[in-house]
Amino acid sequence: PKFVQPHIRLRIEKHLREKVRKANLKKQTQAKLEER
């Protein structure tokens, strides 16, 4: 339906934010392990 189109955009945006958050968390964990 047409009213679902805005929600599709929001779902894609949420997916990209989750992907970036996981990548940053992985980098922070790697940096802590290298420091320790």
All heavy atoms as atom14 arrays in JSON, in Angstrom:
{
  "sequence": "PKFVQPHIRLRIEKHLREKVRKANLKKQTQAKLEER",
  "atom14_mask": [
    [1, 1, 1, 1, 1, 1, 1, 0, 0, 0, 0, 0, 0, 0],
    [1, 1, 1, 1, 1, 1, 1, 1, 1, 0, 0, 0, 0, 0],
    [1, 1, 1, 1, 1, 1, 1, 1, 1, 1, 1, 0, 0, 0],
    [1, 1, 1, 1, 1, 1, 1, 0, 0, 0, 0, 0, 0, 0],
    [1, 1, 1, 1, 1, 1, 1, 1, 1, 0, 0, 0, 0, 0],
    [1, 1, 1, 1, 1, 1, 1, 0, 0, 0, 0, 0, 0, 0],
    [1, 1, 1, 1, 1, 1, 1, 1, 1, 1, 0, 0, 0, 0],
    [1, 1, 1, 1, 1, 1, 1, 1, 0, 0, 0, 0, 0, 0],
    [1, 1, 1, 1, 1, 1, 1, 1, 1, 1, 1, 0, 0, 0],
    [1, 1, 1, 1, 1, 1, 1, 1, 0, 0, 0, 0, 0, 0],
    [1, 1, 1, 1, 1, 1, 1, 1, 1, 1, 1, 0, 0, 0],
    [1, 1, 1, 1, 1, 1, 1, 1, 0, 0, 0, 0, 0, 0],
    [1, 1, 1, 1, 1, 1, 1, 1, 1, 0, 0, 0, 0, 0],
    [1, 1, 1, 1, 1, 1, 1, 1, 1, 0, 0, 0, 0, 0],
    [1, 1, 1, 1, 1, 1, 1, 1, 1, 1, 0, 0, 0, 0],
    [1, 1, 1, 1, 1, 1, 1, 1, 0, 0, 0, 0, 0, 0],
    [1, 1, 1, 1, 1, 1, 1, 1, 1, 1, 1, 0, 0, 0],
    [1, 1, 1, 1, 1, 1, 1, 1, 1, 0, 0, 0, 0, 0],
    [1, 1, 1, 1, 1, 1, 1, 1, 1, 0, 0, 0, 0, 0],
    [1, 1, 1, 1, 1, 1, 1, 0, 0, 0, 0, 0, 0, 0],
    [1, 1, 1, 1, 1, 1, 1, 1, 1, 1, 1, 0, 0, 0],
    [1, 1, 1, 1, 1, 1, 1, 1, 1, 0, 0, 0, 0, 0],
    [1, 1, 1, 1, 1, 0, 0, 0, 0, 0, 0, 0, 0, 0],
    [1, 1, 1, 1, 1, 1, 1, 1, 0, 0, 0, 0, 0, 0],
    [1, 1, 1, 1, 1, 1, 1, 1, 0, 0, 0, 0, 0, 0],
    [1, 1, 1, 1, 1, 1, 1, 1, 1, 0, 0, 0, 0, 0],
    [1, 1, 1, 1, 1, 1, 1, 1, 1, 0, 0, 0, 0, 0],
    [1, 1, 1, 1, 1, 1, 1, 1, 1, 0, 0, 0, 0, 0],
    [1, 1, 1, 1, 1, 1, 1, 0, 0, 0, 0, 0, 0, 0],
    [1, 1, 1, 1, 1, 1, 1, 1, 1, 0, 0, 0, 0, 0],
    [1, 1, 1, 1, 1, 0, 0, 0, 0, 0, 0, 0, 0, 0],
    [1, 1, 1, 1, 1, 1, 1, 1, 1, 0, 0, 0, 0, 0],
    [1, 1, 1, 1, 1, 1, 1, 1, 0, 0, 0, 0, 0, 0],
    [1, 1, 1, 1, 1, 1, 1, 1, 1, 0, 0, 0, 0, 0],
    [1, 1, 1, 1, 1, 1, 1, 1, 1, 0, 0, 0, 0, 0],
    [1, 1, 1, 1, 1, 1, 1, 1, 1, 1, 1, 0, 0, 0]
  ],
  "atom14_positions": [
    [[0.83, -1.23, 0.0], [0.0, 0.0, 0.0], [0.86, 1.27, 0.0], [2.04, 1.25, 0.35], [-0.81, -0.13, 1.3], [-0.77, -1.57, 1.64], [0.56, -2.08, 1.15], [0.0, 0.0, 0.0], [0.0, 0.0, 0.0], [0.0, 0.0, 0.0], [0.0, 0.0, 0.0], [0.0, 0.0, 0.0], [0.0, 0.0, 0.0], [0.0, 0.0, 0.0]],
    [[0.25, 2.37, -0.37], [0.99, 3.63, -0.46], [1.4, 4.16, 0.91], [2.45, 4.77, 1.04], [0.13, 4.68, -1.19], [-0.07, 4.36, -2.66], [-0.86, 5.48, -3.34], [-1.03, 5.18, -4.83], [-1.79, 6.26, -5.52], [0.0, 0.0, 0.0], [0.0, 0.0, 0.0], [0.0, 0.0, 0.0], [0.0, 0.0, 0.0], [0.0, 0.0, 0.0]],
    [[0.57, 3.93, 1.93], [0.9, 4.47, 3.24], [2.07, 3.74, 3.91], [2.54, 4.16, 4.97], [-0.34, 4.42, 4.16], [-0.85, 3.04, 4.44], [-0.32, 2.27, 5.46], [-1.87, 2.51, 3.66], [-0.8, 1.01, 5.71], [-2.35, 1.24, 3.91], [-1.81, 0.48, 4.93], [0.0, 0.0, 0.0], [0.0, 0.0, 0.0], [0.0, 0.0, 0.0]],
    [[2.54, 2.66, 3.28], [3.67, 1.91, 3.84], [5.01, 2.48, 3.35], [6.05, 2.2, 3.94], [3.54, 0.41, 3.48], [4.68, -0.41, 4.07], [2.2, -0.14, 3.97], [0.0, 0.0, 0.0], [0.0, 0.0, 0.0], [0.0, 0.0, 0.0], [0.0, 0.0, 0.0], [0.0, 0.0, 0.0], [0.0, 0.0, 0.0], [0.0, 0.0, 0.0]],
    [[5.02, 3.27, 2.3], [6.26, 3.78, 1.73], [7.11, 4.56, 2.73], [8.33, 4.35, 2.82], [5.95, 4.66, 0.5], [5.29, 3.91, -0.65], [6.22, 2.87, -1.26], [7.44, 2.99, -1.18], [5.62, 1.85, -1.86], [0.0, 0.0, 0.0], [0.0, 0.0, 0.0], [0.0, 0.0, 0.0], [0.0, 0.0, 0.0], [0.0, 0.0, 0.0]],
    [[6.55, 5.51, 3.55], [7.4, 6.2, 4.54], [8.01, 5.25, 5.58], [9.15, 5.46, 6.01], [6.43, 7.2, 5.2], [5.35, 7.39, 4.21], [5.19, 6.08, 3.51], [0.0, 0.0, 0.0], [0.0, 0.0, 0.0], [0.0, 0.0, 0.0], [0.0, 0.0, 0.0], [0.0, 0.0, 0.0], [0.0, 0.0, 0.0], [0.0, 0.0, 0.0]],
    [[7.28, 4.22, 5.92], [7.8, 3.28, 6.91], [8.95, 2.43, 6.33], [9.85, 2.01, 7.07], [6.68, 2.37, 7.41], [5.57, 3.12, 8.09], [5.66, 3.56, 9.4], [4.35, 3.55, 7.63], [4.54, 4.19, 9.74], [3.73, 4.19, 8.68], [0.0, 0.0, 0.0], [0.0, 0.0, 0.0], [0.0, 0.0, 0.0], [0.0, 0.0, 0.0]],
    [[8.93, 2.2, 5.03], [10.04, 1.48, 4.39], [11.31, 2.29, 4.51], [12.4, 1.77, 4.81], [9.69, 1.19, 2.92], [8.51, 0.23, 2.82], [10.9, 0.61, 2.19], [8.02, -0.02, 1.4], [0.0, 0.0, 0.0], [0.0, 0.0, 0.0], [0.0, 0.0, 0.0], [0.0, 0.0, 0.0], [0.0, 0.0, 0.0], [0.0, 0.0, 0.0]],
    [[11.2, 3.61, 4.28], [12.38, 4.48, 4.41], [12.89, 4.48, 5.84], [14.11, 4.42, 6.08], [12.01, 5.91, 3.97], [13.17, 6.89, 4.03], [12.73, 8.26, 3.59], [11.63, 8.75, 4.42], [11.8, 9.31, 5.63], [13.01, 9.41, 6.15], [10.75, 9.73, 6.31], [0.0, 0.0, 0.0], [0.0, 0.0, 0.0], [0.0, 0.0, 0.0]],
    [[12.01, 4.51, 6.81], [12.43, 4.51, 8.21], [13.08, 3.16, 8.59], [14.03, 3.13, 9.38], [11.22, 4.77, 9.11], [10.6, 6.18, 9.02], [9.34, 6.25, 9.87], [11.61, 7.23, 9.46], [0.0, 0.0, 0.0], [0.0, 0.0, 0.0], [0.0, 0.0, 0.0], [0.0, 0.0, 0.0], [0.0, 0.0, 0.0], [0.0, 0.0, 0.0]],
    [[12.59, 2.1, 8.03], [13.18, 0.79, 8.32], [14.6, 0.69, 7.76], [15.51, 0.15, 8.42], [12.31, -0.32, 7.74], [12.75, -1.71, 8.16], [11.93, -2.8, 7.52], [12.19, -2.93, 6.1], [11.29, -2.7, 5.16], [10.06, -2.34, 5.47], [11.61, -2.84, 3.89], [0.0, 0.0, 0.0], [0.0, 0.0, 0.0], [0.0, 0.0, 0.0]],
    [[14.81, 1.2, 6.56], [16.16, 1.19, 5.97], [17.11, 2.05, 6.79], [18.27, 1.69, 7.04], [16.09, 1.65, 4.51], [15.28, 0.66, 3.67], [17.5, 1.81, 3.94], [15.03, 1.11, 2.26], [0.0, 0.0, 0.0], [0.0, 0.0, 0.0], [0.0, 0.0, 0.0], [0.0, 0.0, 0.0], [0.0, 0.0, 0.0], [0.0, 0.0, 0.0]],
    [[16.62, 3.2, 7.23], [17.45, 4.09, 8.05], [17.81, 3.41, 9.38], [18.96, 3.51, 9.85], [16.69, 5.39, 8.3], [17.5, 6.45, 9.05], [16.72, 7.73, 9.25], [15.62, 7.84, 8.67], [17.22, 8.61, 9.98], [0.0, 0.0, 0.0], [0.0, 0.0, 0.0], [0.0, 0.0, 0.0], [0.0, 0.0, 0.0], [0.0, 0.0, 0.0]],
    [[16.88, 2.73, 9.98], [17.16, 2.03, 11.23], [18.19, 0.92, 11.03], [19.08, 0.72, 11.87], [15.85, 1.45, 11.77], [16.0, 0.71, 13.09], [14.66, 0.16, 13.55], [14.82, -0.62, 14.85], [13.51, -1.18, 15.31], [0.0, 0.0, 0.0], [0.0, 0.0, 0.0], [0.0, 0.0, 0.0], [0.0, 0.0, 0.0], [0.0, 0.0, 0.0]],
    [[18.09, 0.23, 9.91], [19.05, -0.84, 9.62], [20.47, -0.28, 9.45], [21.44, -0.86, 9.96], [18.61, -1.58, 8.36], [19.59, -2.59, 7.87], [19.85, -3.78, 8.52], [20.42, -2.58, 6.78], [20.77, -4.46, 7.87], [21.13, -3.76, 6.81], [0.0, 0.0, 0.0], [0.0, 0.0, 0.0], [0.0, 0.0, 0.0], [0.0, 0.0, 0.0]],
    [[20.59, 0.84, 8.75], [21.92, 1.44, 8.56], [22.5, 1.94, 9.87], [23.71, 1.8, 10.12], [21.82, 2.57, 7.54], [21.46, 2.15, 6.1], [21.3, 3.38, 5.21], [22.51, 1.22, 5.53], [0.0, 0.0, 0.0], [0.0, 0.0, 0.0], [0.0, 0.0, 0.0], [0.0, 0.0, 0.0], [0.0, 0.0, 0.0], [0.0, 0.0, 0.0]],
    [[21.68, 2.52, 10.72], [22.18, 2.98, 12.02], [22.65, 1.8, 12.88], [23.68, 1.88, 13.57], [21.08, 3.74, 12.75], [20.81, 5.14, 12.19], [19.71, 5.84, 12.98], [19.48, 7.2, 12.48], [18.55, 8.02, 12.96], [17.78, 7.61, 13.98], [18.4, 9.22, 12.45], [0.0, 0.0, 0.0], [0.0, 0.0, 0.0], [0.0, 0.0, 0.0]],
    [[21.91, 0.71, 12.85], [22.32, -0.47, 13.61], [23.64, -1.03, 13.09], [24.5, -1.48, 13.87], [21.21, -1.53, 13.52], [21.43, -2.74, 14.4], [21.25, -2.44, 15.86], [20.63, -1.41, 16.19], [21.74, -3.25, 16.69], [0.0, 0.0, 0.0], [0.0, 0.0, 0.0], [0.0, 0.0, 0.0], [0.0, 0.0, 0.0], [0.0, 0.0, 0.0]],
    [[23.81, -1.0, 11.79], [25.05, -1.5, 11.19], [26.25, -0.64, 11.61], [27.32, -1.17, 11.96], [24.9, -1.52, 9.67], [26.05, -2.16, 8.94], [25.78, -2.21, 7.44], [26.94, -2.84, 6.69], [26.67, -2.88, 5.22], [0.0, 0.0, 0.0], [0.0, 0.0, 0.0], [0.0, 0.0, 0.0], [0.0, 0.0, 0.0], [0.0, 0.0, 0.0]],
    [[26.08, 0.68, 11.59], [27.17, 1.58, 12.0], [27.47, 1.42, 13.48], [28.63, 1.45, 13.91], [26.79, 3.03, 11.65], [27.82, 4.0, 12.24], [26.71, 3.21, 10.15], [0.0, 0.0, 0.0], [0.0, 0.0, 0.0], [0.0, 0.0, 0.0], [0.0, 0.0, 0.0], [0.0, 0.0, 0.0], [0.0, 0.0, 0.0], [0.0, 0.0, 0.0]],
    [[26.43, 1.23, 14.3], [26.64, 1.07, 15.74], [27.43, -0.2, 16.05], [28.34, -0.2, 16.89], [25.29, 1.02, 16.45], [25.39, 1.03, 17.98], [24.01, 0.92, 18.6], [23.44, -0.39, 18.36], [23.73, -1.49, 19.08], [24.59, -1.41, 20.09], [23.16, -2.63, 18.8], [0.0, 0.0, 0.0], [0.0, 0.0, 0.0], [0.0, 0.0, 0.0]],
    [[27.15, -1.29, 15.35], [27.89, -2.53, 15.56], [29.34, -2.39, 15.13], [30.25, -2.92, 15.78], [27.22, -3.66, 14.79], [25.9, -4.12, 15.39], [25.32, -5.29, 14.6], [24.0, -5.76, 15.23], [23.41, -6.9, 14.47], [0.0, 0.0, 0.0], [0.0, 0.0, 0.0], [0.0, 0.0, 0.0], [0.0, 0.0, 0.0], [0.0, 0.0, 0.0]],
    [[29.58, -1.67, 14.02], [30.95, -1.47, 13.57], [31.75, -0.65, 14.57], [32.92, -0.96, 14.87], [30.95, -0.8, 12.2], [0.0, 0.0, 0.0], [0.0, 0.0, 0.0], [0.0, 0.0, 0.0], [0.0, 0.0, 0.0], [0.0, 0.0, 0.0], [0.0, 0.0, 0.0], [0.0, 0.0, 0.0], [0.0, 0.0, 0.0], [0.0, 0.0, 0.0]],
    [[31.14, 0.42, 15.11], [31.84, 1.24, 16.11], [32.1, 0.45, 17.39], [33.16, 0.59, 18.01], [31.01, 2.49, 16.42], [30.92, 3.44, 15.24], [31.8, 3.46, 14.38], [29.85, 4.22, 15.19], [0.0, 0.0, 0.0], [0.0, 0.0, 0.0], [0.0, 0.0, 0.0], [0.0, 0.0, 0.0], [0.0, 0.0, 0.0], [0.0, 0.0, 0.0]],
    [[31.14, -0.37, 17.8], [31.34, -1.19, 19.0], [32.47, -2.19, 18.81], [33.27, -2.43, 19.74], [30.04, -1.91, 19.34], [30.05, -2.77, 20.61], [30.32, -1.91, 21.84], [28.72, -3.51, 20.77], [0.0, 0.0, 0.0], [0.0, 0.0, 0.0], [0.0, 0.0, 0.0], [0.0, 0.0, 0.0], [0.0, 0.0, 0.0], [0.0, 0.0, 0.0]],
    [[32.58, -2.72, 17.63], [33.67, -3.66, 17.35], [35.03, -2.96, 17.39], [36.01, -3.5, 17.93], [33.45, -4.31, 15.99], [34.43, -5.4, 15.66], [34.1, -6.05, 14.32], [35.09, -7.15, 13.99], [34.77, -7.79, 12.68], [0.0, 0.0, 0.0], [0.0, 0.0, 0.0], [0.0, 0.0, 0.0], [0.0, 0.0, 0.0], [0.0, 0.0, 0.0]],
    [[35.1, -1.75, 16.86], [36.35, -0.99, 16.89], [36.74, -0.64, 18.32], [37.92, -0.72, 18.7], [36.22, 0.28, 16.05], [36.15, 0.02, 14.55], [36.03, 1.33, 13.8], [35.96, 1.08, 12.29], [35.82, 2.35, 11.53], [0.0, 0.0, 0.0], [0.0, 0.0, 0.0], [0.0, 0.0, 0.0], [0.0, 0.0, 0.0], [0.0, 0.0, 0.0]],
    [[35.77, -0.24, 19.12], [36.08, 0.1, 20.51], [36.56, -1.11, 21.3], [37.5, -1.01, 22.1], [34.83, 0.7, 21.17], [34.43, 2.06, 20.63], [33.13, 2.56, 21.23], [32.57, 1.92, 22.13], [32.64, 3.71, 20.74], [0.0, 0.0, 0.0], [0.0, 0.0, 0.0], [0.0, 0.0, 0.0], [0.0, 0.0, 0.0], [0.0, 0.0, 0.0]],
    [[35.93, -2.26, 21.07], [36.37, -3.48, 21.75], [37.77, -3.87, 21.35], [38.6, -4.27, 22.18], [35.39, -4.61, 21.45], [34.06, -4.21, 21.77], [35.74, -5.86, 22.22], [0.0, 0.0, 0.0], [0.0, 0.0, 0.0], [0.0, 0.0, 0.0], [0.0, 0.0, 0.0], [0.0, 0.0, 0.0], [0.0, 0.0, 0.0], [0.0, 0.0, 0.0]],
    [[38.09, -3.72, 20.05], [39.43, -4.04, 19.58], [40.47, -3.09, 20.17], [41.57, -3.51, 20.56], [39.46, -3.97, 18.04], [40.76, -4.41, 17.41], [40.96, -5.9, 17.52], [40.02, -6.66, 17.74], [42.2, -6.34, 17.35], [0.0, 0.0, 0.0], [0.0, 0.0, 0.0], [0.0, 0.0, 0.0], [0.0, 0.0, 0.0], [0.0, 0.0, 0.0]],
    [[40.11, -1.82, 20.29], [41.05, -0.85, 20.87], [41.3, -1.14, 22.35], [42.43, -1.04, 22.83], [40.51, 0.56, 20.68], [0.0, 0.0, 0.0], [0.0, 0.0, 0.0], [0.0, 0.0, 0.0], [0.0, 0.0, 0.0], [0.0, 0.0, 0.0], [0.0, 0.0, 0.0], [0.0, 0.0, 0.0], [0.0, 0.0, 0.0], [0.0, 0.0, 0.0]],
    [[40.26, -1.52, 23.1], [40.43, -1.85, 24.51], [41.31, -3.09, 24.69], [42.16, -3.14, 25.59], [39.07, -2.07, 25.15], [38.26, -0.8, 25.33], [36.93, -1.08, 25.98], [36.09, 0.18, 26.14], [34.76, -0.1, 26.76], [0.0, 0.0, 0.0], [0.0, 0.0, 0.0], [0.0, 0.0, 0.0], [0.0, 0.0, 0.0], [0.0, 0.0, 0.0]],
    [[41.12, -4.1, 23.83], [41.94, -5.3, 23.94], [43.4, -5.01, 23.62], [44.31, -5.54, 24.27], [41.38, -6.38, 22.99], [40.04, -7.01, 23.38], [39.55, -7.93, 22.27], [40.17, -7.78, 24.68], [0.0, 0.0, 0.0], [0.0, 0.0, 0.0], [0.0, 0.0, 0.0], [0.0, 0.0, 0.0], [0.0, 0.0, 0.0], [0.0, 0.0, 0.0]],
    [[43.66, -4.17, 22.61], [45.03, -3.83, 22.27], [45.69, -3.0, 23.38], [46.89, -3.1, 23.6], [45.05, -3.06, 20.94], [44.69, -3.94, 19.74], [44.68, -3.13, 18.46], [44.91, -1.9, 18.54], [44.45, -3.72, 17.39], [0.0, 0.0, 0.0], [0.0, 0.0, 0.0], [0.0, 0.0, 0.0], [0.0, 0.0, 0.0], [0.0, 0.0, 0.0]],
    [[44.89, -2.16, 24.04], [45.44, -1.38, 25.15], [45.76, -2.25, 26.36], [46.75, -2.03, 27.07], [44.44, -0.29, 25.54], [44.94, 0.64, 26.64], [43.91, 1.69, 26.99], [42.85, 1.71, 26.33], [44.19, 2.48, 27.91], [0.0, 0.0, 0.0], [0.0, 0.0, 0.0], [0.0, 0.0, 0.0], [0.0, 0.0, 0.0], [0.0, 0.0, 0.0]],
    [[44.93, -3.28, 26.57], [45.15, -4.16, 27.72], [46.23, -5.21, 27.44], [47.0, -5.57, 28.33], [43.84, -4.84, 28.09], [43.9, -5.67, 29.36], [42.54, -6.19, 29.73], [42.59, -6.99, 30.95], [41.54, -7.6, 31.5], [40.34, -7.48, 30.91], [41.68, -8.31, 32.59], [0.0, 0.0, 0.0], [0.0, 0.0, 0.0], [0.0, 0.0, 0.0]]
  ]
}
